[in-house]
């Protein structure tokens, strides 16, 4: 949460504000109770992949890089990058008409509506539901052994945020959650046009937490003056 003119506060400034009485009310109102709790917890700042839509060409290199990293191949006992089939990518480029390309990415929400919606009782040892935030790199994970395939996490993400979670068509269990590639997102590294960056989550950033349809509609209006939006190609 870096500070800009008229923007939000850094974590240090947030914590300082919380300690000065009335300022805390303003900060809690701006960030929300869950985001505030995260800041107060002392955990490292959340990071996410952010898209510069003015640079994205819809080439889908990000999908290939993501799939190759997260769907590795085993050859003679060695784990190697996979074939890069875009179908298995955790990042998905949505194409619209008029010509707008929107890579859909996880918002890495501090309040995790996906995990909150999971109906599975928290594990008595870890406190985790079947859907939870990984403590290593803070990406969202699913415990397939405990998951009941109800799709609640995907529905919550679709209704409240970006809609990146996709239930497996056969099991109903969630897939396509961004892993952040262990802190080195390959989609960011391989994008040939520099359209992707790996930065700290900021809720005031334009398009934060919006689904691809809403983003595309606004881009179409700004770029083409399109009064009517045709939707997916």
C-alpha atoms as a PDB file:
ATOM      1  CA  UNK A   1       0.000   0.000   0.000  1.00  0.00           C
ATOM      2  CA  UNK A   2       2.420   2.658  -1.168  1.00  0.00           C
ATOM      3  CA  UNK A   3       1.522   6.302  -0.772  1.00  0.00           C
ATOM      4  CA  UNK A   4       0.765   8.587  -3.676  1.00  0.00           C
ATOM      5  CA  UNK A   5      -0.627  12.100  -3.861  1.00  0.00           C
ATOM      6  CA  UNK A   6      -4.173  11.741  -2.628  1.00  0.00           C
ATOM      7  CA  UNK A   7      -3.635   7.976  -2.428  1.00  0.00           C
ATOM      8  CA  UNK A   8      -3.394   5.373   0.287  1.00  0.00           C
ATOM      9  CA  UNK A   9      -0.909   4.857   3.078  1.00  0.00           C
ATOM     10  CA  UNK A  10       2.067   2.614   3.585  1.00  0.00           C
ATOM     11  CA  UNK A  11       1.744  -0.030   6.277  1.00  0.00           C
ATOM     12  CA  UNK A  12       3.934   2.024   8.627  1.00  0.00           C
ATOM     13  CA  UNK A  13       1.706   5.073   8.197  1.00  0.00           C
ATOM     14  CA  UNK A  14      -1.370   2.890   8.642  1.00  0.00           C
ATOM     15  CA  UNK A  15      -0.109   1.563  11.960  1.00  0.00           C
ATOM     16  CA  UNK A  16       0.854   5.052  13.072  1.00  0.00           C
ATOM     17  CA  UNK A  17      -2.645   6.283  12.222  1.00  0.00           C
ATOM     18  CA  UNK A  18      -4.281   3.485  14.167  1.00  0.00           C
ATOM     19  CA  UNK A  19      -2.453   4.658  17.248  1.00  0.00           C
ATOM     20  CA  UNK A  20      -3.782   8.219  17.129  1.00  0.00           C
ATOM     21  CA  UNK A  21      -7.429   7.786  18.029  1.00  0.00           C
ATOM     22  CA  UNK A  22      -9.790   9.306  15.463  1.00  0.00           C
ATOM     23  CA  UNK A  23      -7.377   8.638  12.611  1.00  0.00           C
ATOM     24  CA  UNK A  24      -7.985   4.950  13.082  1.00  0.00           C
ATOM     25  CA  UNK A  25     -11.645   5.338  12.091  1.00  0.00           C
ATOM     26  CA  UNK A  26     -10.668   6.912   8.782  1.00  0.00           C
ATOM     27  CA  UNK A  27      -8.108   4.215   8.042  1.00  0.00           C
ATOM     28  CA  UNK A  28     -10.377   1.334   8.983  1.00  0.00           C
ATOM     29  CA  UNK A  29     -13.084   2.833   6.799  1.00  0.00           C
ATOM     30  CA  UNK A  30     -10.703   3.130   3.858  1.00  0.00           C
ATOM     31  CA  UNK A  31      -9.147  -0.317   4.027  1.00  0.00           C
ATOM     32  CA  UNK A  32     -11.926  -2.369   5.605  1.00  0.00           C
ATOM     33  CA  UNK A  33     -11.762  -4.428   8.773  1.00  0.00           C
ATOM     34  CA  UNK A  34     -10.076  -7.446   7.156  1.00  0.00           C
ATOM     35  CA  UNK A  35      -7.375  -5.391   5.452  1.00  0.00           C
ATOM     36  CA  UNK A  36      -6.801  -3.531   8.698  1.00  0.00           C
ATOM     37  CA  UNK A  37      -6.467  -6.806  10.584  1.00  0.00           C
ATOM     38  CA  UNK A  38      -3.885  -7.972   8.061  1.00  0.00           C
ATOM     39  CA  UNK A  39      -1.855  -4.772   8.479  1.00  0.00           C
ATOM     40  CA  UNK A  40      -2.003  -5.036  12.265  1.00  0.00           C
ATOM     41  CA  UNK A  41      -0.964  -8.680  12.210  1.00  0.00           C
ATOM     42  CA  UNK A  42       2.612  -7.833  11.284  1.00  0.00           C
ATOM     43  CA  UNK A  43       2.491 -10.147   8.258  1.00  0.00           C
ATOM     44  CA  UNK A  44       4.508  -9.174   5.161  1.00  0.00           C
ATOM     45  CA  UNK A  45       2.680  -7.033   2.618  1.00  0.00           C
ATOM     46  CA  UNK A  46       0.505  -8.904   0.142  1.00  0.00           C
ATOM     47  CA  UNK A  47       1.680  -8.855  -3.466  1.00  0.00           C
ATOM     48  CA  UNK A  48      -0.109  -9.550  -6.732  1.00  0.00           C
ATOM     49  CA  UNK A  49       0.273  -9.480 -10.517  1.00  0.00           C
ATOM     50  CA  UNK A  50      -0.982  -6.193 -11.995  1.00  0.00           C
ATOM     51  CA  UNK A  51      -1.841  -5.592 -15.652  1.00  0.00           C
ATOM     52  CA  UNK A  52      -1.078  -2.490 -17.720  1.00  0.00           C
ATOM     53  CA  UNK A  53      -3.902  -2.783 -20.265  1.00  0.00           C
ATOM     54  CA  UNK A  54      -2.345  -0.124 -22.471  1.00  0.00           C
ATOM     55  CA  UNK A  55       0.585  -2.485 -23.106  1.00  0.00           C
ATOM     56  CA  UNK A  56      -1.210  -5.855 -23.308  1.00  0.00           C
ATOM     57  CA  UNK A  57      -1.590  -7.173 -26.878  1.00  0.00           C
ATOM     58  CA  UNK A  58      -3.473 -10.362 -26.010  1.00  0.00           C
ATOM     59  CA  UNK A  59      -0.548 -12.519 -27.188  1.00  0.00           C
ATOM     60  CA  UNK A  60      -1.184 -15.079 -24.387  1.00  0.00           C
ATOM     61  CA  UNK A  61       2.512 -15.569 -23.665  1.00  0.00           C
ATOM     62  CA  UNK A  62       1.575 -15.208 -20.002  1.00  0.00           C
ATOM     63  CA  UNK A  63      -0.712 -18.226 -20.242  1.00  0.00           C
ATOM     64  CA  UNK A  64       2.008 -20.371 -21.788  1.00  0.00           C
ATOM     65  CA  UNK A  65       4.601 -19.306 -19.204  1.00  0.00           C
ATOM     66  CA  UNK A  66       2.191 -19.945 -16.342  1.00  0.00           C
ATOM     67  CA  UNK A  67       1.184 -23.366 -17.604  1.00  0.00           C
ATOM     68  CA  UNK A  68       4.786 -24.451 -18.210  1.00  0.00           C
ATOM     69  CA  UNK A  69       5.754 -23.448 -14.654  1.00  0.00           C
ATOM     70  CA  UNK A  70       2.739 -24.792 -12.804  1.00  0.00           C
ATOM     71  CA  UNK A  71       2.182 -27.943 -14.887  1.00  0.00           C
ATOM     72  CA  UNK A  72       5.710 -29.374 -15.019  1.00  0.00           C
ATOM     73  CA  UNK A  73       6.617 -32.556 -16.894  1.00  0.00           C
ATOM     74  CA  UNK A  74       8.523 -35.477 -15.435  1.00  0.00           C
ATOM     75  CA  UNK A  75      11.193 -36.847 -17.768  1.00  0.00           C
ATOM     76  CA  UNK A  76      13.480 -39.666 -16.619  1.00  0.00           C
ATOM     77  CA  UNK A  77      12.861 -38.737 -13.019  1.00  0.00           C
ATOM     78  CA  UNK A  78      13.564 -35.046 -13.608  1.00  0.00           C
ATOM     79  CA  UNK A  79      10.977 -32.312 -13.249  1.00  0.00           C
ATOM     80  CA  UNK A  80      11.072 -30.027 -16.268  1.00  0.00           C
ATOM     81  CA  UNK A  81       8.885 -27.144 -17.486  1.00  0.00           C
ATOM     82  CA  UNK A  82       5.667 -28.424 -18.991  1.00  0.00           C
ATOM     83  CA  UNK A  83       4.441 -28.014 -22.562  1.00  0.00           C
ATOM     84  CA  UNK A  84       2.793 -24.692 -21.777  1.00  0.00           C
ATOM     85  CA  UNK A  85      -0.751 -25.582 -22.822  1.00  0.00           C
ATOM     86  CA  UNK A  86      -2.715 -22.339 -22.206  1.00  0.00           C
ATOM     87  CA  UNK A  87      -5.730 -24.375 -21.097  1.00  0.00           C
ATOM     88  CA  UNK A  88      -3.956 -25.209 -17.837  1.00  0.00           C
ATOM     89  CA  UNK A  89      -2.809 -21.656 -17.094  1.00  0.00           C
ATOM     90  CA  UNK A  90      -3.849 -19.932 -13.889  1.00  0.00           C
ATOM     91  CA  UNK A  91      -3.877 -16.589 -15.679  1.00  0.00           C
ATOM     92  CA  UNK A  92      -6.431 -16.297 -18.482  1.00  0.00           C
ATOM     93  CA  UNK A  93      -6.596 -13.694 -21.251  1.00  0.00           C
ATOM     94  CA  UNK A  94     -10.173 -12.708 -22.115  1.00  0.00           C
ATOM     95  CA  UNK A  95     -10.719 -11.249 -25.594  1.00  0.00           C
ATOM     96  CA  UNK A  96     -13.565  -8.816 -26.258  1.00  0.00           C
ATOM     97  CA  UNK A  97     -15.191  -6.937 -29.095  1.00  0.00           C
ATOM     98  CA  UNK A  98     -14.352  -4.050 -29.667  1.00  0.00           C
ATOM     99  CA  UNK A  99     -10.755  -5.225 -29.538  1.00  0.00           C
ATOM    100  CA  UNK A 100      -9.851  -5.345 -25.835  1.00  0.00           C
ATOM    101  CA  UNK A 101      -7.687  -7.997 -24.163  1.00  0.00           C
ATOM    102  CA  UNK A 102      -7.951  -8.489 -20.406  1.00  0.00           C
ATOM    103  CA  UNK A 103      -5.700 -10.929 -18.536  1.00  0.00           C
ATOM    104  CA  UNK A 104      -7.645 -12.002 -15.459  1.00  0.00           C
ATOM    105  CA  UNK A 105      -5.564 -12.220 -12.290  1.00  0.00           C
ATOM    106  CA  UNK A 106      -6.105 -12.989  -8.608  1.00  0.00           C
ATOM    107  CA  UNK A 107      -6.548  -9.838  -6.490  1.00  0.00           C
ATOM    108  CA  UNK A 108      -4.839 -11.474  -3.475  1.00  0.00           C
ATOM    109  CA  UNK A 109      -7.546  -9.956  -1.272  1.00  0.00           C
ATOM    110  CA  UNK A 110      -6.746  -9.310   2.368  1.00  0.00           C
ATOM    111  CA  UNK A 111     -10.299 -10.319   3.329  1.00  0.00           C
ATOM    112  CA  UNK A 112     -10.255 -13.539   1.232  1.00  0.00           C
ATOM    113  CA  UNK A 113     -13.983 -13.856   0.394  1.00  0.00           C
ATOM    114  CA  UNK A 114     -13.182 -17.174  -1.312  1.00  0.00           C
ATOM    115  CA  UNK A 115     -11.776 -18.722   1.861  1.00  0.00           C
ATOM    116  CA  UNK A 116     -14.472 -17.164   4.036  1.00  0.00           C
ATOM    117  CA  UNK A 117     -17.158 -18.771   1.865  1.00  0.00           C
ATOM    118  CA  UNK A 118     -15.701 -22.276   2.313  1.00  0.00           C
ATOM    119  CA  UNK A 119     -18.211 -24.275   4.434  1.00  0.00           C
ATOM    120  CA  UNK A 120     -15.672 -26.873   5.619  1.00  0.00           C
ATOM    121  CA  UNK A 121     -14.959 -26.589   9.348  1.00  0.00           C
ATOM    122  CA  UNK A 122     -11.506 -25.209  10.215  1.00  0.00           C
ATOM    123  CA  UNK A 123      -8.905 -27.840  10.960  1.00  0.00           C
ATOM    124  CA  UNK A 124      -8.367 -27.954  14.762  1.00  0.00           C
ATOM    125  CA  UNK A 125      -4.572 -27.911  14.318  1.00  0.00           C
ATOM    126  CA  UNK A 126      -4.032 -25.436  11.491  1.00  0.00           C
ATOM    127  CA  UNK A 127      -7.247 -23.412  11.698  1.00  0.00           C
ATOM    128  CA  UNK A 128      -7.597 -23.758   7.933  1.00  0.00           C
ATOM    129  CA  UNK A 129     -10.731 -24.517   6.004  1.00  0.00           C
ATOM    130  CA  UNK A 130     -10.403 -26.583   2.836  1.00  0.00           C
ATOM    131  CA  UNK A 131      -9.733 -23.335   0.954  1.00  0.00           C
ATOM    132  CA  UNK A 132      -7.095 -21.194   2.627  1.00  0.00           C
ATOM    133  CA  UNK A 133      -4.230 -18.737   2.242  1.00  0.00           C
ATOM    134  CA  UNK A 134      -0.790 -20.306   2.115  1.00  0.00           C
ATOM    135  CA  UNK A 135       1.500 -18.865   4.776  1.00  0.00           C
ATOM    136  CA  UNK A 136       4.619 -19.154   2.620  1.00  0.00           C
ATOM    137  CA  UNK A 137       3.781 -16.782  -0.229  1.00  0.00           C
ATOM    138  CA  UNK A 138       0.165 -15.894   0.693  1.00  0.00           C
ATOM    139  CA  UNK A 139      -1.344 -17.426  -2.457  1.00  0.00           C
ATOM    140  CA  UNK A 140      -4.726 -19.136  -2.155  1.00  0.00           C
ATOM    141  CA  UNK A 141      -4.697 -22.935  -1.912  1.00  0.00           C
ATOM    142  CA  UNK A 142      -7.167 -25.805  -1.783  1.00  0.00           C
ATOM    143  CA  UNK A 143      -6.842 -28.936   0.333  1.00  0.00           C
ATOM    144  CA  UNK A 144      -8.235 -31.450  -2.136  1.00  0.00           C
ATOM    145  CA  UNK A 145      -8.517 -34.121   0.568  1.00  0.00           C
ATOM    146  CA  UNK A 146     -10.931 -31.987   2.606  1.00  0.00           C
ATOM    147  CA  UNK A 147     -12.629 -30.075  -0.224  1.00  0.00           C
ATOM    148  CA  UNK A 148     -16.238 -31.151  -0.866  1.00  0.00           C
ATOM    149  CA  UNK A 149     -16.419 -29.595  -4.336  1.00  0.00           C
ATOM    150  CA  UNK A 150     -19.330 -27.282  -3.498  1.00  0.00           C
ATOM    151  CA  UNK A 151     -18.006 -24.371  -5.573  1.00  0.00           C
ATOM    152  CA  UNK A 152     -18.642 -21.782  -2.847  1.00  0.00           C
ATOM    153  CA  UNK A 153     -15.160 -20.296  -3.223  1.00  0.00           C
ATOM    154  CA  UNK A 154     -15.604 -19.807  -6.967  1.00  0.00           C
ATOM    155  CA  UNK A 155     -19.044 -18.239  -6.515  1.00  0.00           C
ATOM    156  CA  UNK A 156     -17.723 -15.808  -3.915  1.00  0.00           C
ATOM    157  CA  UNK A 157     -14.823 -14.813  -6.144  1.00  0.00           C
ATOM    158  CA  UNK A 158     -17.104 -14.336  -9.148  1.00  0.00           C
ATOM    159  CA  UNK A 159     -19.665 -12.233  -7.282  1.00  0.00           C
ATOM    160  CA  UNK A 160     -17.289 -10.128  -5.201  1.00  0.00           C
ATOM    161  CA  UNK A 161     -13.971  -9.991  -7.058  1.00  0.00           C
ATOM    162  CA  UNK A 162     -12.265 -11.078 -10.280  1.00  0.00           C
ATOM    163  CA  UNK A 163     -13.770 -14.536 -10.809  1.00  0.00           C
ATOM    164  CA  UNK A 164     -10.461 -16.305 -11.407  1.00  0.00           C
ATOM    165  CA  UNK A 165     -11.379 -19.505  -9.558  1.00  0.00           C
ATOM    166  CA  UNK A 166     -12.761 -22.228 -11.826  1.00  0.00           C
ATOM    167  CA  UNK A 167     -14.292 -25.459 -10.472  1.00  0.00           C
ATOM    168  CA  UNK A 168     -13.068 -28.652 -12.091  1.00  0.00           C
ATOM    169  CA  UNK A 169     -15.883 -29.790 -14.425  1.00  0.00           C
ATOM    170  CA  UNK A 170     -15.759 -33.335 -13.041  1.00  0.00           C
ATOM    171  CA  UNK A 171     -15.025 -32.897  -9.327  1.00  0.00           C
ATOM    172  CA  UNK A 172     -16.257 -29.359  -8.709  1.00  0.00           C
ATOM    173  CA  UNK A 173     -13.059 -28.643  -6.800  1.00  0.00           C
ATOM    174  CA  UNK A 174     -11.434 -25.229  -7.399  1.00  0.00           C
ATOM    175  CA  UNK A 175      -8.576 -24.790  -9.835  1.00  0.00           C
ATOM    176  CA  UNK A 176      -6.605 -22.045 -11.593  1.00  0.00           C
ATOM    177  CA  UNK A 177      -5.651 -20.144  -8.429  1.00  0.00           C
ATOM    178  CA  UNK A 178      -2.503 -18.081  -8.939  1.00  0.00           C
ATOM    179  CA  UNK A 179       0.489 -19.621  -7.139  1.00  0.00           C
ATOM    180  CA  UNK A 180       2.721 -16.544  -7.646  1.00  0.00           C
ATOM    181  CA  UNK A 181       5.311 -19.098  -8.797  1.00  0.00           C
ATOM    182  CA  UNK A 182       6.980 -19.066  -5.404  1.00  0.00           C
ATOM    183  CA  UNK A 183       7.422 -15.293  -5.503  1.00  0.00           C
ATOM    184  CA  UNK A 184       8.770 -15.152  -9.058  1.00  0.00           C
ATOM    185  CA  UNK A 185       5.698 -15.017 -11.345  1.00  0.00           C
ATOM    186  CA  UNK A 186       6.651 -16.373 -14.743  1.00  0.00           C
ATOM    187  CA  UNK A 187       3.867 -14.476 -16.493  1.00  0.00           C
ATOM    188  CA  UNK A 188       5.529 -11.231 -15.382  1.00  0.00           C
ATOM    189  CA  UNK A 189       8.989 -12.411 -16.337  1.00  0.00           C
ATOM    190  CA  UNK A 190       7.992 -13.677 -19.798  1.00  0.00           C
ATOM    191  CA  UNK A 191       5.590 -10.947 -20.938  1.00  0.00           C
ATOM    192  CA  UNK A 192       7.294  -9.561 -24.090  1.00  0.00           C
ATOM    193  CA  UNK A 193       5.644  -6.146 -23.752  1.00  0.00           C
ATOM    194  CA  UNK A 194       6.124  -5.437 -20.048  1.00  0.00           C
ATOM    195  CA  UNK A 195       2.379  -5.400 -19.485  1.00  0.00           C
ATOM    196  CA  UNK A 196       2.585  -7.329 -16.200  1.00  0.00           C
ATOM    197  CA  UNK A 197       4.250  -6.394 -12.927  1.00  0.00           C
ATOM    198  CA  UNK A 198       4.541  -7.996  -9.501  1.00  0.00           C
ATOM    199  CA  UNK A 199       3.731  -5.362  -6.911  1.00  0.00           C
ATOM    200  CA  UNK A 200       2.192  -4.787  -3.505  1.00  0.00           C
ATOM    201  CA  UNK A 201      -1.592  -4.989  -3.331  1.00  0.00           C
ATOM    202  CA  UNK A 202      -3.286  -1.591  -3.293  1.00  0.00           C
ATOM    203  CA  UNK A 203      -7.047  -1.420  -3.142  1.00  0.00           C
ATOM    204  CA  UNK A 204      -7.132   2.094  -4.576  1.00  0.00           C
ATOM    205  CA  UNK A 205      -5.490   0.967  -7.819  1.00  0.00           C
ATOM    206  CA  UNK A 206      -7.800   1.399 -10.802  1.00  0.00           C
ATOM    207  CA  UNK A 207      -9.566  -1.836 -11.794  1.00  0.00           C
ATOM    208  CA  UNK A 208      -8.512  -3.571  -8.562  1.00  0.00           C
ATOM    209  CA  UNK A 209     -10.786  -6.525  -7.797  1.00  0.00           C
ATOM    210  CA  UNK A 210     -12.900  -6.134 -10.941  1.00  0.00           C
ATOM    211  CA  UNK A 211     -13.814  -8.967 -13.300  1.00  0.00           C
ATOM    212  CA  UNK A 212     -12.718  -8.919 -16.958  1.00  0.00           C
ATOM    213  CA  UNK A 213     -16.137  -7.883 -18.313  1.00  0.00           C
ATOM    214  CA  UNK A 214     -16.270  -4.704 -16.219  1.00  0.00           C
ATOM    215  CA  UNK A 215     -12.676  -3.827 -17.073  1.00  0.00           C
ATOM    216  CA  UNK A 216     -13.216  -4.438 -20.784  1.00  0.00           C
ATOM    217  CA  UNK A 217     -16.396  -2.336 -20.855  1.00  0.00           C
ATOM    218  CA  UNK A 218     -14.589   0.683 -19.418  1.00  0.00           C
ATOM    219  CA  UNK A 219     -11.560   0.230 -21.664  1.00  0.00           C
ATOM    220  CA  UNK A 220     -13.854   0.012 -24.714  1.00  0.00           C
ATOM    221  CA  UNK A 221     -15.519   3.273 -23.728  1.00  0.00           C
ATOM    222  CA  UNK A 222     -12.181   5.004 -23.141  1.00  0.00           C
ATOM    223  CA  UNK A 223     -10.409   3.666 -26.232  1.00  0.00           C
ATOM    224  CA  UNK A 224     -13.188   3.459 -28.792  1.00  0.00           C
ATOM    225  CA  UNK A 225     -15.978   5.617 -27.377  1.00  0.00           C
ATOM    226  CA  UNK A 226     -18.135   2.513 -27.546  1.00  0.00           C
ATOM    227  CA  UNK A 227     -21.583   3.300 -26.164  1.00  0.00           C
ATOM    228  CA  UNK A 228     -22.490  -0.374 -26.528  1.00  0.00           C
ATOM    229  CA  UNK A 229     -20.212  -3.186 -25.476  1.00  0.00           C
ATOM    230  CA  UNK A 230     -20.361  -6.373 -27.530  1.00  0.00           C
ATOM    231  CA  UNK A 231     -18.709  -8.640 -24.981  1.00  0.00           C
ATOM    232  CA  UNK A 232     -16.563 -11.711 -25.564  1.00  0.00           C
ATOM    233  CA  UNK A 233     -15.456 -12.425 -29.147  1.00  0.00           C
END
